[in-house]
């Protein structure tokens, strides 16, 4: 076999592998969306139906009109949006400031601090449930979205600091020193020199924080006792009952829940790719 033929064969094998991975990853999403528009007869049949033979908007209409647990579905969507966006905004500020301090300043205990960040990421969130719940009670933030935002910031902050530290370290310090020579203050240098260069990394960490807060279930279920404060992942639990599971409503609600994440990802997709590539330049 000639080298050109081997190269073409290798490219075909690589493309085929990529296609299989894509199909494997996208199939659950396709099944969720297609099931949302299937009739109950198609959902509960024992036959494999890859495509809906007849579309119905019954499940979507029922979720939108009847709501869940006595509240409109938009109440839960709004709570999820507030928690996710609040986590992104608060986490971005603290992550960027902490990452800048770690990357730019030599202080006692810096290595220990970085090790603690790694250890914090290894601890399962469920193991932190009781201590975080007690701290939220002490702050008087139970049954408040602010308490849920605070918890999610704590869960995503170690990853954000560790990742942004890489982006800050990749920016040459000589650029900041040149701005200082020109008379710029530290705050001006941070805002006009460092921040634009680190912004792609901030977008990448924000996506992680948004998805984590949007999909979080355990803390939203424990910290909120009133159904009006539940987020979408908690609302989905009401479709599971002792008499059966309403799979049509679950798939319809899950599809609606996925749309904001997809929209958010499409808006910042280009920035995210640029940020990940930039952050890989220097560790």
Protein backbone atom coordinates (compact mmCIF):
# COMPACT_ATOMS: atom_id res chain seq x y z
CA UNK A 1 0.00 0.00 0.00
CA UNK A 2 1.38 3.37 -1.00
CA UNK A 3 1.94 6.14 1.59
CA UNK A 4 -0.83 8.21 -0.03
CA UNK A 5 -3.30 5.33 0.25
CA UNK A 6 -2.33 4.77 3.90
CA UNK A 7 -2.82 8.47 4.58
CA UNK A 8 -6.27 8.42 3.00
CA UNK A 9 -7.19 5.25 4.88
CA UNK A 10 -6.06 6.81 8.14
CA UNK A 11 -8.13 9.93 7.44
CA UNK A 12 -11.19 7.80 6.68
CA UNK A 13 -10.71 5.82 9.88
CA UNK A 14 -10.28 9.04 11.89
CA UNK A 15 -13.42 10.58 10.37
CA UNK A 16 -15.39 7.38 10.97
CA UNK A 17 -14.29 7.32 14.60
CA UNK A 18 -15.25 10.95 15.03
CA UNK A 19 -18.65 10.26 13.48
CA UNK A 20 -19.26 7.32 15.82
CA UNK A 21 -18.34 9.43 18.85
CA UNK A 22 -20.69 12.18 17.64
CA UNK A 23 -23.57 9.75 17.15
CA UNK A 24 -22.93 8.18 20.55
CA UNK A 25 -22.96 11.61 22.20
CA UNK A 26 -25.93 13.09 20.35
CA UNK A 27 -28.24 10.06 20.46
CA UNK A 28 -29.51 10.63 24.03
CA UNK A 29 -30.33 14.23 23.14
CA UNK A 30 -32.13 13.15 19.98
CA UNK A 31 -34.08 10.50 21.90
CA UNK A 32 -35.11 13.07 24.50
CA UNK A 33 -36.36 15.57 21.91
CA UNK A 34 -38.11 12.95 19.77
CA UNK A 35 -39.82 11.38 22.80
CA UNK A 36 -41.17 14.80 23.78
CA UNK A 37 -43.23 14.78 20.57
CA UNK A 38 -44.30 11.12 20.61
CA UNK A 39 -47.73 9.95 21.66
CA UNK A 40 -48.06 7.81 24.80
CA UNK A 41 -48.67 4.75 22.64
CA UNK A 42 -45.29 5.24 20.97
CA UNK A 43 -43.52 6.02 24.24
CA UNK A 44 -44.71 2.93 26.14
CA UNK A 45 -44.54 0.45 23.26
CA UNK A 46 -42.03 -2.37 23.40
CA UNK A 47 -41.08 -1.77 19.76
CA UNK A 48 -38.09 0.35 18.82
CA UNK A 49 -39.39 3.52 17.17
CA UNK A 50 -36.44 5.74 16.18
CA UNK A 51 -38.68 8.36 14.55
CA UNK A 52 -42.13 9.51 15.77
CA UNK A 53 -44.75 8.13 13.41
CA UNK A 54 -47.10 10.92 14.44
CA UNK A 55 -46.08 14.15 16.16
CA UNK A 56 -48.00 15.53 19.11
CA UNK A 57 -47.59 18.71 21.15
CA UNK A 58 -49.69 17.31 23.97
CA UNK A 59 -46.79 16.93 26.42
CA UNK A 60 -45.33 20.36 25.71
CA UNK A 61 -48.77 22.00 25.93
CA UNK A 62 -49.56 20.22 29.19
CA UNK A 63 -46.27 21.28 30.77
CA UNK A 64 -46.75 24.88 29.69
CA UNK A 65 -50.38 25.17 30.74
CA UNK A 66 -50.69 22.91 33.79
CA UNK A 67 -47.27 23.60 35.28
CA UNK A 68 -45.65 21.50 37.99
CA UNK A 69 -46.45 21.26 41.72
CA UNK A 70 -48.90 24.15 41.54
CA UNK A 71 -46.49 26.57 39.82
CA UNK A 72 -45.92 27.55 36.23
CA UNK A 73 -42.95 25.95 34.53
CA UNK A 74 -41.62 29.47 33.92
CA UNK A 75 -41.23 29.96 37.69
CA UNK A 76 -38.71 27.12 37.81
CA UNK A 77 -37.02 28.28 34.61
CA UNK A 78 -36.69 31.76 36.07
CA UNK A 79 -35.23 30.42 39.32
CA UNK A 80 -32.70 28.35 37.38
CA UNK A 81 -31.76 31.38 35.26
CA UNK A 82 -31.28 33.59 38.33
CA UNK A 83 -29.15 30.99 40.10
CA UNK A 84 -27.05 30.16 37.01
CA UNK A 85 -26.43 33.78 35.96
CA UNK A 86 -25.80 34.84 39.55
CA UNK A 87 -23.26 32.04 39.95
CA UNK A 88 -21.53 33.07 36.72
CA UNK A 89 -21.32 36.78 37.63
CA UNK A 90 -20.22 36.36 41.26
CA UNK A 91 -17.91 33.44 40.48
CA UNK A 92 -16.28 35.29 37.58
CA UNK A 93 -15.34 38.25 39.77
CA UNK A 94 -13.85 36.22 42.60
CA UNK A 95 -12.19 33.69 40.26
CA UNK A 96 -10.47 36.41 38.23
CA UNK A 97 -9.24 38.33 41.27
CA UNK A 98 -7.98 35.20 43.04
CA UNK A 99 -6.37 33.81 39.87
CA UNK A 100 -4.57 37.12 39.28
CA UNK A 101 -3.25 37.14 42.84
CA UNK A 102 -2.02 33.54 42.59
CA UNK A 103 -0.40 34.01 39.18
CA UNK A 104 1.18 37.42 39.75
CA UNK A 105 2.17 37.60 43.42
CA UNK A 106 4.58 35.47 45.43
CA UNK A 107 3.17 35.04 48.91
CA UNK A 108 3.64 32.55 51.69
CA UNK A 109 1.41 29.51 51.31
CA UNK A 110 0.72 29.93 47.60
CA UNK A 111 1.63 26.33 46.77
CA UNK A 112 -0.51 25.12 49.66
CA UNK A 113 -3.40 27.20 48.39
CA UNK A 114 -3.14 25.61 44.93
CA UNK A 115 -3.02 22.13 46.45
CA UNK A 116 -6.12 22.92 48.49
CA UNK A 117 -7.90 23.98 45.28
CA UNK A 118 -7.11 20.61 43.70
CA UNK A 119 -8.26 18.72 46.78
CA UNK A 120 -11.48 20.74 46.89
CA UNK A 121 -12.28 19.67 43.32
CA UNK A 122 -11.86 16.01 44.27
CA UNK A 123 -14.36 16.12 47.13
CA UNK A 124 -17.88 15.02 46.04
CA UNK A 125 -20.46 17.76 46.41
CA UNK A 126 -22.69 15.39 48.41
CA UNK A 127 -19.99 15.17 51.11
CA UNK A 128 -20.26 18.94 51.59
CA UNK A 129 -24.04 18.94 51.86
CA UNK A 130 -24.36 19.05 55.67
CA UNK A 131 -21.58 21.60 56.41
CA UNK A 132 -22.74 23.92 53.63
CA UNK A 133 -26.34 23.58 54.77
CA UNK A 134 -25.32 24.59 58.31
CA UNK A 135 -23.41 27.59 57.01
CA UNK A 136 -26.40 28.69 54.91
CA UNK A 137 -28.60 28.45 58.03
CA UNK A 138 -26.11 30.60 59.97
CA UNK A 139 -26.29 33.23 57.22
CA UNK A 140 -30.08 33.13 57.18
CA UNK A 141 -30.22 32.30 53.48
CA UNK A 142 -32.35 29.14 53.60
CA UNK A 143 -35.27 29.26 51.13
CA UNK A 144 -33.55 32.09 49.28
CA UNK A 145 -32.00 31.98 45.84
CA UNK A 146 -29.05 33.98 47.19
CA UNK A 147 -28.14 31.02 49.39
CA UNK A 148 -28.25 28.68 46.40
CA UNK A 149 -26.08 31.08 44.41
CA UNK A 150 -23.59 31.22 47.26
CA UNK A 151 -23.35 27.42 47.41
CA UNK A 152 -22.89 27.09 43.65
CA UNK A 153 -20.19 29.74 43.68
CA UNK A 154 -18.38 27.73 46.33
CA UNK A 155 -18.66 24.57 44.24
CA UNK A 156 -17.37 26.16 41.01
CA UNK A 157 -14.82 28.59 42.45
CA UNK A 158 -11.87 26.13 42.80
CA UNK A 159 -12.08 25.11 39.15
CA UNK A 160 -12.47 28.71 38.03
CA UNK A 161 -9.44 29.91 39.98
CA UNK A 162 -7.26 27.02 38.82
CA UNK A 163 -8.20 27.45 35.17
CA UNK A 164 -7.97 31.26 35.10
CA UNK A 165 -4.60 31.09 36.81
CA UNK A 166 -3.30 29.44 33.64
CA UNK A 167 -4.67 32.22 31.44
CA UNK A 168 -3.26 34.98 33.64
CA UNK A 169 0.14 33.29 33.77
CA UNK A 170 0.15 33.09 29.96
CA UNK A 171 -0.01 36.90 29.67
CA UNK A 172 3.54 38.36 29.60
CA UNK A 173 4.17 40.48 32.67
CA UNK A 174 6.15 42.88 30.47
CA UNK A 175 2.84 44.19 29.07
CA UNK A 176 1.76 45.27 32.55
CA UNK A 177 5.17 46.75 33.29
CA UNK A 178 5.02 48.77 30.07
CA UNK A 179 1.65 50.18 31.15
CA UNK A 180 3.09 51.09 34.57
CA UNK A 181 5.96 52.94 32.89
CA UNK A 182 3.41 54.92 30.88
CA UNK A 183 1.80 56.05 34.12
CA UNK A 184 -1.14 53.60 34.35
CA UNK A 185 -2.27 52.54 37.80
CA UNK A 186 -2.60 48.89 38.82
CA UNK A 187 -6.37 49.09 38.44
CA UNK A 188 -6.11 50.64 34.97
CA UNK A 189 -3.53 48.06 33.94
CA UNK A 190 -5.72 45.24 35.21
CA UNK A 191 -8.81 46.52 33.37
CA UNK A 192 -7.29 47.66 30.07
CA UNK A 193 -4.34 45.30 29.63
CA UNK A 194 -4.86 42.08 31.56
CA UNK A 195 -8.65 41.71 31.43
CA UNK A 196 -9.04 41.79 27.59
CA UNK A 197 -6.38 39.09 27.25
CA UNK A 198 -7.90 36.88 29.96
CA UNK A 199 -11.51 37.42 28.82
CA UNK A 200 -11.59 34.27 26.61
CA UNK A 201 -10.59 32.15 29.61
CA UNK A 202 -13.22 33.88 31.70
CA UNK A 203 -15.81 32.88 29.11
CA UNK A 204 -14.67 29.25 29.24
CA UNK A 205 -14.91 29.11 33.05
CA UNK A 206 -18.27 30.90 32.92
CA UNK A 207 -19.68 28.16 30.70
CA UNK A 208 -18.60 25.55 33.22
CA UNK A 209 -20.16 27.55 36.07
CA UNK A 210 -23.39 28.11 34.14
CA UNK A 211 -23.89 24.45 33.28
CA UNK A 212 -22.99 23.31 36.80
CA UNK A 213 -25.43 25.72 38.45
CA UNK A 214 -28.14 25.07 35.85
CA UNK A 215 -28.06 21.30 36.38
CA UNK A 216 -27.49 21.29 40.16
CA UNK A 217 -30.14 19.24 42.00
CA UNK A 218 -29.15 18.18 45.52
CA UNK A 219 -28.57 21.59 47.08
CA UNK A 220 -31.59 23.11 45.33
CA UNK A 221 -33.74 20.33 46.79
CA UNK A 222 -32.33 20.63 50.31
CA UNK A 223 -32.03 24.40 50.66
CA UNK A 224 -35.51 25.15 49.27
CA UNK A 225 -38.58 24.00 51.20
CA UNK A 226 -41.13 25.99 49.19
CA UNK A 227 -41.94 24.72 45.69
CA UNK A 228 -41.91 28.29 44.36
CA UNK A 229 -38.14 28.38 45.02
CA UNK A 230 -37.29 25.15 43.20
CA UNK A 231 -35.17 25.10 40.07
CA UNK A 232 -35.87 23.07 36.94
CA UNK A 233 -33.92 19.91 37.98
CA UNK A 234 -36.02 19.72 41.15
CA UNK A 235 -39.24 20.37 39.24
CA UNK A 236 -38.54 17.36 37.03
CA UNK A 237 -38.72 15.10 40.08
CA UNK A 238 -42.47 15.75 40.40
CA UNK A 239 -43.13 13.78 37.23
CA UNK A 240 -41.98 10.61 38.99
CA UNK A 241 -44.84 9.20 41.05
CA UNK A 242 -45.90 6.04 42.84
CA UNK A 243 -48.46 5.30 40.14
CA UNK A 244 -46.08 5.73 37.25
CA UNK A 245 -43.71 8.03 35.44
CA UNK A 246 -44.91 10.69 33.01
CA UNK A 247 -42.12 10.23 30.48
CA UNK A 248 -43.72 12.52 27.93
CA UNK A 249 -43.79 15.45 30.35
CA UNK A 250 -40.27 14.65 31.56
CA UNK A 251 -38.87 14.69 28.04
CA UNK A 252 -40.78 17.85 27.13
CA UNK A 253 -39.55 19.64 30.26
CA UNK A 254 -36.00 18.37 29.74
CA UNK A 255 -36.04 19.65 26.16
CA UNK A 256 -37.19 23.07 27.35
CA UNK A 257 -34.52 23.00 30.04
CA UNK A 258 -31.80 22.23 27.49
CA UNK A 259 -32.63 25.12 25.15
CA UNK A 260 -31.17 27.94 27.33
CA UNK A 261 -27.92 26.02 27.77
CA UNK A 262 -27.63 25.46 24.01
CA UNK A 263 -28.37 29.13 23.30
CA UNK A 264 -25.82 30.25 25.89
CA UNK A 265 -23.22 27.90 24.41
CA UNK A 266 -23.84 29.07 20.83
CA UNK A 267 -23.47 32.71 21.86
CA UNK A 268 -20.06 32.19 23.48
CA UNK A 269 -18.85 29.21 21.42
CA UNK A 270 -16.20 31.09 19.47
CA UNK A 271 -14.89 32.78 22.59
CA UNK A 272 -14.72 29.45 24.40
CA UNK A 273 -12.64 27.74 21.71
CA UNK A 274 -10.28 30.72 21.58
CA UNK A 275 -9.99 30.72 25.34
CA UNK A 276 -9.19 27.02 25.64
CA UNK A 277 -6.49 27.28 22.95
CA UNK A 278 -5.00 30.38 24.55
CA UNK A 279 -4.95 28.78 27.98
CA UNK A 280 -2.98 25.82 26.66
CA UNK A 281 -0.01 27.99 25.71
CA UNK A 282 1.52 28.15 29.16
CA UNK A 283 0.88 26.35 32.44
